[in-house]
Protein backbone atom coordinates (compact mmCIF):
# COMPACT_ATOMS: atom_id res chain seq x y z
CA UNK A 1 165.79 -34.07 79.75
CA UNK A 2 164.68 -37.10 81.87
CA UNK A 3 163.22 -40.43 80.52
CA UNK A 4 161.58 -43.55 81.77
CA UNK A 5 161.82 -46.90 80.15
CA UNK A 6 158.87 -49.48 80.52
CA UNK A 7 158.44 -52.76 79.09
CA UNK A 8 160.98 -55.08 77.74
CA UNK A 9 159.50 -56.85 74.44
CA UNK A 10 160.34 -55.52 71.14
CA UNK A 11 158.03 -53.25 69.07
CA UNK A 12 155.89 -55.46 66.87
CA UNK A 13 153.54 -52.74 65.63
CA UNK A 14 153.54 -52.14 61.83
CA UNK A 15 151.44 -50.13 59.37
CA UNK A 16 149.85 -51.56 56.29
CA UNK A 17 147.31 -49.59 54.27
CA UNK A 18 146.34 -47.12 57.06
CA UNK A 19 145.90 -49.84 59.71
CA UNK A 20 148.29 -50.62 62.60
CA UNK A 21 148.60 -54.25 63.33
CA UNK A 22 150.40 -56.20 66.08
CA UNK A 23 152.62 -59.09 64.52
CA UNK A 24 151.19 -62.15 66.01
CA UNK A 25 150.31 -65.88 65.41
CA UNK A 26 146.98 -65.21 66.97
CA UNK A 27 144.63 -63.34 64.79
CA UNK A 28 143.31 -59.99 66.29
CA UNK A 29 139.80 -59.71 67.73
CA UNK A 30 139.62 -56.17 68.63
CA UNK A 31 139.29 -53.21 66.12
CA UNK A 32 139.88 -49.71 67.60
CA UNK A 33 139.03 -46.84 65.10
CA UNK A 34 140.44 -43.38 65.78
CA UNK A 35 141.88 -41.74 62.60
CA UNK A 36 143.64 -44.85 61.84
CA UNK A 37 142.50 -48.39 62.60
CA UNK A 38 144.40 -50.46 65.13
CA UNK A 39 143.83 -54.22 64.91
CA UNK A 40 144.81 -55.72 68.23
CA UNK A 41 143.79 -58.45 70.91
CA UNK A 42 141.30 -58.13 73.73
CA UNK A 43 144.01 -60.06 75.86
CA UNK A 44 146.25 -58.21 77.05
CA UNK A 45 144.67 -54.83 76.30
CA UNK A 46 141.08 -55.08 77.60
CA UNK A 47 141.97 -56.17 81.20
CA UNK A 48 144.07 -52.99 81.86
CA UNK A 49 141.39 -50.53 80.23
CA UNK A 50 138.39 -49.91 82.44
CA UNK A 51 136.50 -48.00 79.43
CA UNK A 52 137.21 -50.97 76.94
CA UNK A 53 135.85 -53.53 79.34
CA UNK A 54 132.53 -51.75 79.57
CA UNK A 55 132.56 -51.24 75.82
CA UNK A 56 133.44 -54.83 75.02
CA UNK A 57 130.79 -56.16 77.65
CA UNK A 58 128.04 -53.98 76.18
CA UNK A 59 128.99 -55.17 72.40
CA UNK A 60 128.97 -58.87 73.61
CA UNK A 61 125.67 -58.73 75.34
CA UNK A 62 124.09 -56.81 72.22
CA UNK A 63 125.46 -59.43 69.73
CA UNK A 64 125.20 -62.48 71.98
CA UNK A 65 128.36 -64.04 69.98
CA UNK A 66 131.70 -63.77 71.78
CA UNK A 67 133.69 -65.08 68.85
CA UNK A 68 132.95 -62.00 66.56
CA UNK A 69 135.43 -59.23 66.33
CA UNK A 70 134.56 -56.13 68.07
CA UNK A 71 134.93 -52.73 66.50
CA UNK A 72 135.01 -49.69 68.65
CA UNK A 73 135.46 -45.93 67.71
CA UNK A 74 137.40 -43.76 69.84
CA UNK A 75 137.55 -40.38 67.93
CA UNK A 76 137.51 -38.45 71.03
CA UNK A 77 140.41 -39.89 72.78
CA UNK A 78 142.77 -37.09 74.06
CA UNK A 79 146.30 -37.60 72.79
CA UNK A 80 145.12 -39.08 69.51
CA UNK A 81 146.86 -42.07 67.84
CA UNK A 82 150.17 -41.44 69.75
CA UNK A 83 148.55 -41.55 73.17
CA UNK A 84 146.40 -44.77 72.45
CA UNK A 85 149.56 -46.63 70.87
CA UNK A 86 151.59 -45.82 73.95
CA UNK A 87 148.85 -47.09 76.28
CA UNK A 88 148.47 -50.30 73.84
CA UNK A 89 152.33 -51.00 73.92
CA UNK A 90 152.30 -50.85 77.74
CA UNK A 91 149.48 -53.48 77.88
CA UNK A 92 151.53 -55.61 75.52
CA UNK A 93 154.77 -55.20 77.50
CA UNK A 94 156.51 -53.43 74.54
CA UNK A 95 159.40 -51.19 75.46
CA UNK A 96 158.56 -47.44 75.40
CA UNK A 97 160.52 -44.55 76.24
CA UNK A 98 158.46 -41.66 78.21
CA UNK A 99 159.60 -38.20 78.48
CA UNK A 100 158.34 -34.63 78.60
CA UNK A 101 157.50 -34.77 74.85
CA UNK A 102 155.09 -37.82 75.06
CA UNK A 103 154.02 -37.81 78.78
CA UNK A 104 150.95 -35.46 78.39
CA UNK A 105 149.64 -37.56 75.27
CA UNK A 106 150.15 -40.82 77.37
CA UNK A 107 148.66 -39.59 80.63
CA UNK A 108 145.45 -38.04 79.07
CA UNK A 109 144.84 -41.11 76.90
CA UNK A 110 145.55 -43.47 79.94
CA UNK A 111 143.15 -41.61 82.15
CA UNK A 112 140.51 -41.66 79.31
CA UNK A 113 140.68 -45.44 78.94
CA UNK A 114 140.73 -45.94 82.69
CA UNK A 115 143.96 -47.46 83.35
CA UNK A 116 143.93 -46.93 87.15
CA UNK A 117 144.97 -49.24 89.97
CA UNK A 118 141.38 -50.13 90.82
CA UNK A 119 141.38 -51.72 87.18
CA UNK A 120 144.63 -53.59 87.31
CA UNK A 121 147.62 -53.50 89.73
CA UNK A 122 150.64 -51.67 88.62
CA UNK A 123 148.60 -50.00 85.86
CA UNK A 124 149.83 -47.11 83.53
CA UNK A 125 148.45 -44.14 85.26
CA UNK A 126 150.16 -44.78 88.45
CA UNK A 127 153.49 -44.97 86.74
CA UNK A 128 152.90 -41.95 84.74
CA UNK A 129 152.22 -39.96 87.74
CA UNK A 130 155.38 -41.30 89.46
CA UNK A 131 157.42 -40.24 86.58
CA UNK A 132 155.64 -36.80 86.54
CA UNK A 133 156.34 -35.95 90.17
CA UNK A 134 160.00 -37.20 90.35
CA UNK A 135 161.13 -36.23 87.04
CA UNK A 136 159.14 -33.57 85.02
CA UNK A 137 158.32 -31.22 87.67
CA UNK A 138 161.68 -31.59 89.04
CA UNK A 139 163.22 -30.38 85.73
CA UNK A 140 163.20 -26.79 84.23
CA UNK A 141 162.88 -27.64 80.69
CA UNK A 142 160.76 -30.71 81.16
CA UNK A 143 158.14 -28.71 82.90
CA UNK A 144 158.17 -26.31 79.95
CA UNK A 145 158.06 -29.02 77.43
CA UNK A 146 155.23 -30.65 79.12
CA UNK A 147 153.30 -27.42 79.11
CA UNK A 148 154.13 -26.85 75.34
CA UNK A 149 152.55 -30.28 74.50
CA UNK A 150 149.58 -29.67 76.51
CA UNK A 151 147.96 -26.97 74.14
CA UNK A 152 145.92 -29.44 72.12
CA UNK A 153 144.50 -31.05 75.32
CA UNK A 154 144.32 -27.98 77.56
CA UNK A 155 140.96 -28.89 79.01
CA UNK A 156 142.13 -32.30 80.05
CA UNK A 157 145.51 -31.04 81.31
CA UNK A 158 143.60 -28.49 83.51
CA UNK A 159 141.41 -31.12 84.87
CA UNK A 160 144.06 -33.63 85.64
CA UNK A 161 146.28 -30.93 87.38
CA UNK A 162 149.07 -31.12 84.96
CA UNK A 163 148.78 -27.31 83.78
CA UNK A 164 148.78 -25.80 87.45
CA UNK A 165 151.53 -28.19 88.66
CA UNK A 166 153.77 -27.45 85.93
CA UNK A 167 153.21 -23.61 86.32
CA UNK A 168 153.88 -23.59 90.16
CA UNK A 169 157.17 -25.50 89.44
CA UNK A 170 158.21 -23.15 86.50
CA UNK A 171 157.40 -20.02 88.72
CA UNK A 172 159.28 -21.68 91.72
CA UNK A 173 162.47 -21.88 89.48
CA UNK A 174 162.22 -18.69 88.21
CA UNK A 175 161.96 -17.08 91.61
CA UNK A 176 165.12 -18.95 92.51
CA UNK A 177 168.10 -16.68 93.09
CA UNK A 178 170.36 -16.70 90.13
CA UNK A 179 173.45 -18.04 92.17
CA UNK A 180 171.54 -20.99 93.03
CA UNK A 181 170.50 -21.87 89.37
CA UNK A 182 172.31 -25.06 88.59
CA UNK A 183 170.09 -26.45 85.72
CA UNK A 184 170.37 -25.91 81.82
CA UNK A 185 168.70 -22.98 80.36
CA UNK A 186 168.71 -21.34 76.90
CA UNK A 187 170.27 -17.92 76.67
CA UNK A 188 171.37 -16.82 73.28
CA UNK A 189 171.78 -12.86 73.52
CA UNK A 190 174.30 -11.33 71.36
CA UNK A 191 177.71 -10.91 72.94
CA UNK A 192 177.01 -13.41 75.82
CA UNK A 193 179.15 -16.56 76.25
CA UNK A 194 178.51 -18.92 79.04
CA UNK A 195 182.00 -19.76 79.28
CA UNK A 196 183.36 -16.27 79.79
CA UNK A 197 180.29 -15.31 82.33
CA UNK A 198 180.62 -17.45 85.60
CA UNK A 199 177.47 -15.79 87.07
CA UNK A 200 173.94 -16.61 85.91
CA UNK A 201 172.21 -13.52 84.11
CA UNK A 202 169.16 -12.34 86.00
CA UNK A 203 166.95 -12.84 82.76
CA UNK A 204 168.06 -16.50 82.41
CA UNK A 205 164.60 -17.75 82.34
CA UNK A 206 162.96 -15.32 79.61
CA UNK A 207 163.92 -17.41 76.39
CA UNK A 208 162.66 -20.53 77.71
CA UNK A 209 159.00 -19.67 78.67
CA UNK A 210 158.86 -17.65 75.41
CA UNK A 211 158.14 -21.02 73.62
CA UNK A 212 154.88 -21.32 75.66
CA UNK A 213 151.59 -20.64 74.24
CA UNK A 214 150.21 -17.19 75.22
CA UNK A 215 147.70 -18.14 77.43
CA UNK A 216 150.20 -20.34 79.70
CA UNK A 217 152.77 -17.49 79.28
CA UNK A 218 150.17 -15.15 80.70
CA UNK A 219 149.52 -17.49 83.60
CA UNK A 220 153.21 -17.54 84.60
CA UNK A 221 153.87 -13.72 84.10
CA UNK A 222 150.69 -13.07 86.39
CA UNK A 223 151.97 -15.67 88.94
CA UNK A 224 155.52 -14.03 88.89
CA UNK A 225 153.93 -10.51 89.23
CA UNK A 226 151.62 -11.48 92.28
CA UNK A 227 154.73 -12.41 94.41
CA UNK A 228 156.42 -8.84 93.80
CA UNK A 229 159.85 -10.44 94.23
CA UNK A 230 161.17 -9.78 90.74
CA UNK A 231 161.53 -6.06 89.67
CA UNK A 232 159.30 -4.76 86.96
CA UNK A 233 162.07 -4.26 84.40
CA UNK A 234 162.77 -7.86 84.74
CA UNK A 235 159.18 -8.89 83.52
CA UNK A 236 159.17 -6.09 81.06
CA UNK A 237 162.29 -7.96 79.59
CA UNK A 238 160.31 -11.25 79.33
CA UNK A 239 157.49 -9.60 77.65
CA UNK A 240 160.07 -8.03 75.10
CA UNK A 241 161.58 -11.55 74.44
CA UNK A 242 158.07 -12.99 73.97
CA UNK A 243 157.00 -10.37 71.55
CA UNK A 244 160.26 -10.83 69.47
CA UNK A 245 159.82 -14.55 69.47
CA UNK A 246 156.24 -14.65 68.03
CA UNK A 247 155.87 -11.40 66.28
CA UNK A 248 158.95 -10.45 64.76
CA UNK A 249 157.83 -11.27 61.21
CA UNK A 250 154.60 -9.32 61.28
CA UNK A 251 154.52 -7.14 58.26
CA UNK A 252 151.79 -4.80 57.11
CA UNK A 253 148.14 -5.67 57.02
CA UNK A 254 148.61 -9.48 56.93
CA UNK A 255 145.77 -11.62 55.94
CA UNK A 256 147.06 -15.03 56.88
CA UNK A 257 145.21 -17.40 59.04
CA UNK A 258 147.37 -16.41 62.29
CA UNK A 259 146.27 -12.89 62.40
CA UNK A 260 143.59 -13.64 65.23
CA UNK A 261 146.49 -15.17 67.21
CA UNK A 262 148.92 -12.53 66.76
CA UNK A 263 146.13 -9.95 67.72
CA UNK A 264 145.48 -11.97 70.97
CA UNK A 265 149.19 -12.07 71.64
CA UNK A 266 149.88 -8.30 71.33
CA UNK A 267 146.80 -7.54 73.40
CA UNK A 268 147.77 -9.96 76.13
CA UNK A 269 151.34 -8.42 75.98
CA UNK A 270 150.17 -4.84 76.42
CA UNK A 271 147.90 -5.99 79.37
CA UNK A 272 150.85 -7.67 81.01
CA UNK A 273 153.02 -4.51 80.95
CA UNK A 274 153.69 -3.70 84.78
CA UNK A 275 152.37 -0.07 85.58
CA UNK A 276 155.87 0.98 86.83
CA UNK A 277 157.27 3.67 84.36
CA UNK A 278 160.77 1.95 84.15
CA UNK A 279 159.20 -1.40 83.18
CA UNK A 280 159.80 -1.29 79.38
CA UNK A 281 161.69 0.95 77.29
CA UNK A 282 160.09 3.58 75.02
CA UNK A 283 161.58 1.89 71.93
CA UNK A 284 159.66 -1.37 72.89
CA UNK A 285 156.63 0.52 73.63
CA UNK A 286 156.56 2.16 70.36
CA UNK A 287 157.02 -0.96 68.60
CA UNK A 288 154.34 -2.71 70.52
CA UNK A 289 151.89 0.37 69.43
CA UNK A 290 152.81 0.00 65.98
CA UNK A 291 152.10 -3.99 66.00
CA UNK A 292 148.88 -3.29 67.86
CA UNK A 293 147.74 -0.63 65.04
CA UNK A 294 148.84 -3.24 62.26
CA UNK A 295 147.12 -6.26 63.85
CA UNK A 296 143.80 -4.50 64.53
CA UNK A 297 143.78 -4.42 68.33
CA UNK A 298 140.98 -3.06 70.19
CA UNK A 299 140.68 0.79 70.86
CA UNK A 300 141.24 0.18 74.61
CA UNK A 301 144.22 -1.72 74.14
CA UNK A 302 145.67 0.81 71.64
CA UNK A 303 144.58 3.74 74.10
CA UNK A 304 146.64 2.15 77.09
CA UNK A 305 149.73 1.50 74.95
CA UNK A 306 149.41 5.22 73.80
CA UNK A 307 149.22 6.36 77.23
CA UNK A 308 152.24 4.28 78.20
CA UNK A 309 154.28 5.67 75.14
CA UNK A 310 153.34 9.39 76.07
CA UNK A 311 154.98 8.76 79.76
CA UNK A 312 158.44 7.80 77.91
CA UNK A 313 158.05 10.24 74.77
CA UNK A 314 160.98 12.50 75.89
CA UNK A 315 163.40 9.33 76.15
CA UNK A 316 162.60 8.44 72.61
CA UNK A 317 164.69 8.92 69.48
CA UNK A 318 163.89 9.63 65.93
CA UNK A 319 164.55 6.00 64.86
CA UNK A 320 161.89 4.96 67.60
CA UNK A 321 159.22 6.94 65.92
CA UNK A 322 160.01 5.68 62.30
CA UNK A 323 158.62 2.10 62.82
CA UNK A 324 161.27 1.14 60.06
CA UNK A 325 160.45 -2.53 60.16
CA UNK A 326 157.09 -1.85 58.46
CA UNK A 327 156.35 -2.27 54.73
CA UNK A 328 154.63 0.56 52.83
CA UNK A 329 151.60 -0.42 50.86
CA UNK A 330 149.85 2.05 48.47
CA UNK A 331 146.11 2.46 47.95
CA UNK A 332 144.38 3.29 44.65
CA UNK A 333 145.06 6.99 45.15
CA UNK A 334 148.77 6.46 45.44
CA UNK A 335 148.91 7.44 49.11
CA UNK A 336 151.16 5.56 51.45
CA UNK A 337 148.77 3.86 53.96
CA UNK A 338 151.56 2.61 56.25
CA UNK A 339 153.13 6.02 56.49
CA UNK A 340 149.94 7.78 57.34
CA UNK A 341 148.92 5.19 59.89
CA UNK A 342 152.39 5.91 61.49
CA UNK A 343 151.99 9.54 61.71
CA UNK A 344 148.78 9.36 63.09
CA UNK A 345 150.28 7.10 65.82
CA UNK A 346 153.07 9.79 66.45
CA UNK A 347 150.12 12.40 66.68
CA UNK A 348 148.28 10.41 69.13
CA UNK A 349 151.35 9.91 71.34
CA UNK A 350 152.07 13.33 71.32
CA UNK A 351 148.57 14.60 71.98
CA UNK A 352 148.50 12.13 75.07
CA UNK A 353 151.83 13.58 76.19
CA UNK A 354 150.80 17.22 75.90
CA UNK A 355 147.45 16.41 77.85
CA UNK A 356 149.60 14.74 80.59
CA UNK A 357 152.13 17.78 80.53
CA UNK A 358 149.36 20.15 80.89
CA UNK A 359 147.54 18.17 83.84
CA UNK A 360 150.97 17.99 85.62
CA UNK A 361 152.11 21.58 84.98
CA UNK A 362 152.41 23.38 88.48
CA UNK A 363 153.46 26.97 89.89
CA UNK A 364 156.59 25.45 91.47
CA UNK A 365 159.42 27.10 89.60
CA UNK A 366 161.72 23.94 89.94
CA UNK A 367 158.94 21.75 88.44
CA UNK A 368 158.20 24.30 85.84
CA UNK A 369 161.75 24.17 84.77
CA UNK A 370 161.61 20.51 84.66
CA UNK A 371 158.43 20.60 82.65
CA UNK A 372 159.76 23.14 80.32
CA UNK A 373 162.93 20.99 79.59
CA UNK A 374 160.75 18.17 79.06
CA UNK A 375 158.41 19.62 76.38
CA UNK A 376 161.50 21.41 74.78
CA UNK A 377 162.96 17.97 74.41
CA UNK A 378 159.66 16.55 72.92
CA UNK A 379 159.56 19.53 70.65
CA UNK A 380 163.25 19.07 69.15
CA UNK A 381 162.37 15.30 68.86
CA UNK A 382 159.13 15.94 66.73
CA UNK A 383 160.70 18.62 64.74
CA UNK A 384 163.59 16.19 63.91
CA UNK A 385 161.15 13.42 62.98
CA UNK A 386 159.42 15.80 60.57
CA UNK A 387 162.86 16.44 58.84
CA UNK A 388 162.93 12.78 57.99
CA UNK A 389 159.26 12.08 57.24
CA UNK A 390 159.32 15.25 54.91
CA UNK A 391 161.86 13.42 52.69
CA UNK A 392 159.02 10.89 51.67
CA UNK A 393 157.40 12.00 48.48
CA UNK A 394 154.15 10.39 49.62
CA UNK A 395 154.04 12.56 52.87
CA UNK A 396 151.01 14.82 52.37
CA UNK A 397 150.86 18.34 53.75
CA UNK A 398 147.97 18.00 55.74
CA UNK A 399 149.90 15.41 57.88
CA UNK A 400 152.97 17.55 57.98
CA UNK A 401 150.61 20.72 59.27
CA UNK A 402 149.03 18.23 61.74
CA UNK A 403 152.22 17.25 63.36
CA UNK A 404 153.88 20.63 63.27
CA UNK A 405 150.69 22.54 64.63
CA UNK A 406 150.39 19.81 67.63
CA UNK A 407 153.30 21.53 69.56
CA UNK A 408 152.44 24.49 71.74
CA UNK A 409 154.77 27.66 71.09
CA UNK A 410 157.00 27.25 74.26
CA UNK A 411 158.08 23.77 72.79
CA UNK A 412 160.25 25.64 70.46
CA UNK A 413 162.63 28.13 71.86
CA UNK A 414 164.04 28.48 68.26
CA UNK A 415 162.38 27.58 64.92
CA UNK A 416 165.43 26.46 63.24
CA UNK A 417 164.40 22.82 63.27
CA UNK A 418 160.87 23.26 61.95
CA UNK A 419 162.28 25.64 59.25
CA UNK A 420 164.81 22.92 58.03
CA UNK A 421 161.82 20.41 58.01
CA UNK A 422 159.66 22.88 56.08
CA UNK A 423 162.40 23.62 53.66
CA UNK A 424 163.06 19.79 53.10
CA UNK A 425 159.26 19.27 52.50
CA UNK A 426 159.14 22.06 49.97
CA UNK A 427 162.18 20.88 48.31
CA UNK A 428 160.72 17.20 47.95
CA UNK A 429 157.22 18.28 47.03
CA UNK A 430 157.57 21.19 44.44
CA UNK A 431 154.05 20.54 42.99
CA UNK A 432 152.11 21.67 46.20
CA UNK A 433 149.90 24.66 45.48
CA UNK A 434 150.63 28.06 46.93
CA UNK A 435 147.75 28.04 49.28
CA UNK A 436 149.30 24.93 50.89
CA UNK A 437 152.69 26.55 50.94
CA UNK A 438 151.35 29.49 52.84
CA UNK A 439 149.43 27.21 55.34
CA UNK A 440 152.36 25.31 55.97
CA UNK A 441 154.53 28.35 56.70
CA UNK A 442 152.03 29.81 59.04
CA UNK A 443 153.68 27.33 61.36
CA UNK A 444 157.07 29.32 61.25
CA UNK A 445 157.74 32.27 63.45
CA UNK A 446 160.41 34.09 61.68
CA UNK A 447 161.46 36.04 64.97
CA UNK A 448 162.40 32.69 66.46
CA UNK A 449 165.13 31.95 63.47
CA UNK A 450 168.83 32.25 64.25
CA UNK A 451 170.66 34.99 62.00
CA UNK A 452 172.24 32.33 59.80
CA UNK A 453 168.65 30.76 58.82
CA UNK A 454 166.99 34.16 58.47
CA UNK A 455 169.81 34.95 56.00
CA UNK A 456 168.96 31.54 54.28
CA UNK A 457 165.19 32.29 54.33
CA UNK A 458 165.59 35.68 52.68
CA UNK A 459 167.32 34.04 49.69
CA UNK A 460 164.93 30.85 49.70
CA UNK A 461 163.01 30.81 46.56
CA UNK A 462 160.88 28.00 47.72
CA UNK A 463 159.16 30.03 50.58
CA UNK A 464 156.11 32.03 49.86
CA UNK A 465 156.82 35.80 49.34
CA UNK A 466 154.97 36.79 52.27
CA UNK A 467 157.24 34.69 54.58
CA UNK A 468 160.15 36.32 53.04
CA UNK A 469 158.78 39.76 53.64
CA UNK A 470 158.13 38.94 57.16
CA UNK A 471 161.70 38.00 57.50
CA UNK A 472 162.89 41.01 56.01
CA UNK A 473 160.73 43.20 58.11
CA UNK A 474 162.05 41.62 61.42
CA UNK A 475 165.62 42.00 60.20
CA UNK A 476 164.82 45.79 59.60
CA UNK A 477 163.21 46.02 63.10
CA UNK A 478 166.04 44.14 64.60
CA UNK A 479 168.75 46.60 63.15
CA UNK A 480 166.67 49.63 63.93
CA UNK A 481 166.31 48.69 67.54
CA UNK A 482 170.03 48.42 67.69
CA UNK A 483 170.55 51.82 66.09
CA UNK A 484 168.15 53.59 68.63
CA UNK A 485 169.79 51.78 71.50
CA UNK A 486 173.31 53.30 70.44
CA UNK A 487 171.70 56.75 70.10
CA UNK A 488 170.42 56.61 73.79
CA UNK A 489 173.85 55.62 74.82
CA UNK A 490 175.42 58.61 73.01
CA UNK A 491 172.71 61.15 74.36
CA UNK A 492 173.50 59.95 77.89
CA UNK A 493 177.26 60.77 77.43
CA UNK A 494 176.48 64.21 76.30
CA UNK A 495 174.26 64.86 79.24
CA UNK A 496 176.97 63.83 81.50
CA UNK A 497 179.23 66.33 79.91
CA UNK A 498 176.72 69.35 80.43
CA UNK A 499 176.17 68.34 84.09
CA UNK A 500 179.95 68.46 84.55
CA UNK A 501 179.88 72.08 83.11
CA UNK A 502 177.22 73.23 85.59
CA UNK A 503 179.11 71.93 88.38
CA UNK A 504 182.18 73.79 87.42
CA UNK A 505 180.39 77.12 87.06
CA UNK A 506 178.79 76.68 90.36
CA UNK A 507 182.36 75.95 91.97
CA UNK A 508 183.80 79.26 90.18
CA UNK A 509 181.29 81.99 90.57
CA UNK A 510 183.29 84.54 88.92
CA UNK A 511 184.15 82.77 85.97
CA UNK A 512 180.83 83.66 84.21
CA UNK A 513 180.35 81.41 81.10
CA UNK A 514 183.96 80.59 80.87
CA UNK A 515 184.72 76.84 80.80
CA UNK A 516 187.78 74.87 81.73
CA UNK A 517 189.68 73.98 78.52
CA UNK A 518 189.28 70.23 79.45
CA UNK A 519 185.58 70.52 79.45
CA UNK A 520 185.34 72.42 76.29
CA UNK A 521 187.64 69.85 74.58
CA UNK A 522 185.17 67.00 75.71
CA UNK A 523 182.19 68.98 74.41
CA UNK A 524 183.86 69.78 71.06
CA UNK A 525 184.49 65.96 70.73
CA UNK A 526 181.10 65.13 71.52
CA UNK A 527 179.56 67.57 69.22
CA UNK A 528 181.90 66.21 66.19
CA UNK A 529 180.82 62.64 67.27
CA UNK A 530 177.29 63.67 66.74
CA UNK A 531 177.74 65.57 63.61
CA UNK A 532 179.88 62.85 61.76
CA UNK A 533 178.66 59.20 62.04
CA UNK A 534 181.19 56.49 62.78
CA UNK A 535 182.25 53.92 60.19
CA UNK A 536 179.79 51.26 62.04
CA UNK A 537 177.19 53.40 62.02
CA UNK A 538 177.52 54.47 58.31
CA UNK A 539 177.70 50.63 57.63
CA UNK A 540 174.33 50.05 59.37
CA UNK A 541 172.70 53.07 57.80
CA UNK A 542 173.77 51.47 54.37
CA UNK A 543 172.33 48.16 55.47
CA UNK A 544 169.22 49.63 56.45
CA UNK A 545 168.92 51.34 53.06
CA UNK A 546 169.61 48.03 51.38
CA UNK A 547 166.95 46.15 53.25
CA UNK A 548 164.35 48.92 52.66
CA UNK A 549 165.12 48.55 48.86
CA UNK A 550 164.89 44.70 48.97
CA UNK A 551 161.52 45.25 50.74
CA UNK A 552 160.19 47.52 47.89
CA UNK A 553 161.67 45.17 45.28
CA UNK A 554 159.95 42.38 46.84
CA UNK A 555 156.55 44.30 46.94
CA UNK A 556 156.98 45.26 43.36
CA UNK A 557 157.57 41.81 42.15
CA UNK A 558 154.63 40.60 44.13
CA UNK A 559 152.46 43.35 42.46
CA UNK A 560 153.89 42.37 39.09
CA UNK A 561 153.39 38.68 39.63
CA UNK A 562 149.78 39.25 40.83
CA UNK A 563 149.09 41.53 37.74
CA UNK A 564 150.37 38.72 35.44
CA UNK A 565 148.10 36.24 37.05
CA UNK A 566 145.07 38.36 36.55
CA UNK A 567 146.05 38.87 32.98
CA UNK A 568 146.29 35.14 32.39
CA UNK A 569 142.84 34.76 34.09
C-alpha cells in the first residue's frame, strides 16, 4: 500500500467534552458543527476553503460585527468528521498521512469545501488528485481499498470519477496475463502455497474483489464479461468466492437486519452467472437455489436458477441435493419446514429437467441413446436421494410419493433403488395408514425387481398384502414361462426323430415299418424322457406347487383379516 505525507507541524488537535480544539495561544473564532464541534481559527482555514469564505462573508454582513465568533453547521459534508479534520489539518500544516483508506473521505470533503487551485495555490484537491493518479490507480489493492471506502459517499465518488477510474484500473489488472502479474494479491485456497507455486493462478484476483460491495462487484464482473477475454468458468469462480464470502453464514429463515442486503446479493449473483453450461458447477448452482429460496428471492430469479440447475442435474450427487448446511425448523404441526422446502426445490429442478428432456428428445438413435443414459442417471440419483430423505421421521408420505411419481417409467430400468427407498420409509414411518402404504407402493413395478429383491419383497411384512401377491403372481408367471419354453424345446427334438424315421423308410422301400436299430433306440429314449420328468423339472414343479400354496395361504389370510376388521366395526 502506498502513502503520501503532507505537512510538517505536529498534531495539536485534542478532544474535550465532544469538542475538537486546536491547542493555540490565540482563541478560536470559528465553530464548525458536524456531529461534533470543531473550535478552530478563520486563519489559516478560511483562505483555503471557498465554501467557508462565502459562509463567513454572509455571516459577517448579516451580523455587522467582525469580532464575533462565527458558528457554521456542516452536517451534510461527505466524509464526515474524518474528512473535515484531514482538510483542517492540511490548512494548519499539520502532518497527515494519506492512503487508500482515507483518500476518499479527504477528497470528497475537500471538493465539498471548495479547496481548489482557484481558491489558493497548491491547494488540497490538486495534491489529492496527483496522489490518486500516481499511487492509488497504479496499485491493485489500493484501487480496491479506495472502492471499499467509497460505499458511504457513492454518489460523490461517482460524480467525481473515483468509482469509474478505480473500476477501469481493477479490470485492466484482472485482464493482465497471469505471468505478468507482479503485485501482491490475496489467495488463501486450501492446499495452495505461494512458495511452492511459481506460477500465478488464473483466479488470483477473485478473493480481493470479493471484499467489494455487491453493486461495485457487479460493475466489475459486467465489465470483465463484456471483453470476452476470460473464460466463463473463471467468472463463475469469482461468483462462487463472493457467495462464500458474504452468504456462508446464512441459516434458515433469518429475520436479521441484513436480510434485504443478502437477498440483493443472491439475486445479483444469479443474474451475473454466464449463460455457458460449464460456467458454474451443479453443486454451486443448487446451493445458490437453496439460498435464493431461504432469502425469499423473486420468482423470476428462482425460476432462472432452477433452469440452470436442471441443465446440470445429471452431474449432481445425492449430497448436492441434501442442502446439508440448512437448519431444520418445526412449525406448530411438527412438520419440518426446511425439509419440505428442500424437497419442493428438488421436485422443481426435476420437473424442469424433464421438460427440457422431452423437448430435446429426437428420432436419432445416437441422440436417443444419450438421452436415455441421461434420464436413467437422473432416475438413479432421485431414487438414491429418496433413500436418504426417507430416513427422516418428519418426511411426509405425500412428498415421498410426489418425488417418486415425478420420474417417467423409462427412467428406471430396474426398480431396486425405489424399492429400497420405500422399504426404508415404511421402516422409519410405521404409523402411516394402510391407504398411504398402498398409494406409496403403487409406484413400485414388481416386474422390474431383481430376483434377490423379489425374494425379499415376498417376505417383507411392511409391504401391503396386495403388493406381496403381485410379486408372487409374477414369480409364478416367470417360472411357468420357463417350463413352457423347455417343453417346446423337447417337442422339437421329438419331431426331428420322426423326420429321420420317414427319411429312412423312403430310402428303403422294402423295409416296411421296420426301423433302424439306432432310430428305434433314440425314439425309446425320447419317450422315456417324456414319460419321466428330470430332476430339474421335478424341482420346478414342486416350487410351482409351493408358490400356488403360498398364494392361496396369502389370500386366506387376507380374507380372514378383512373378516376380523368387519367384526370389530
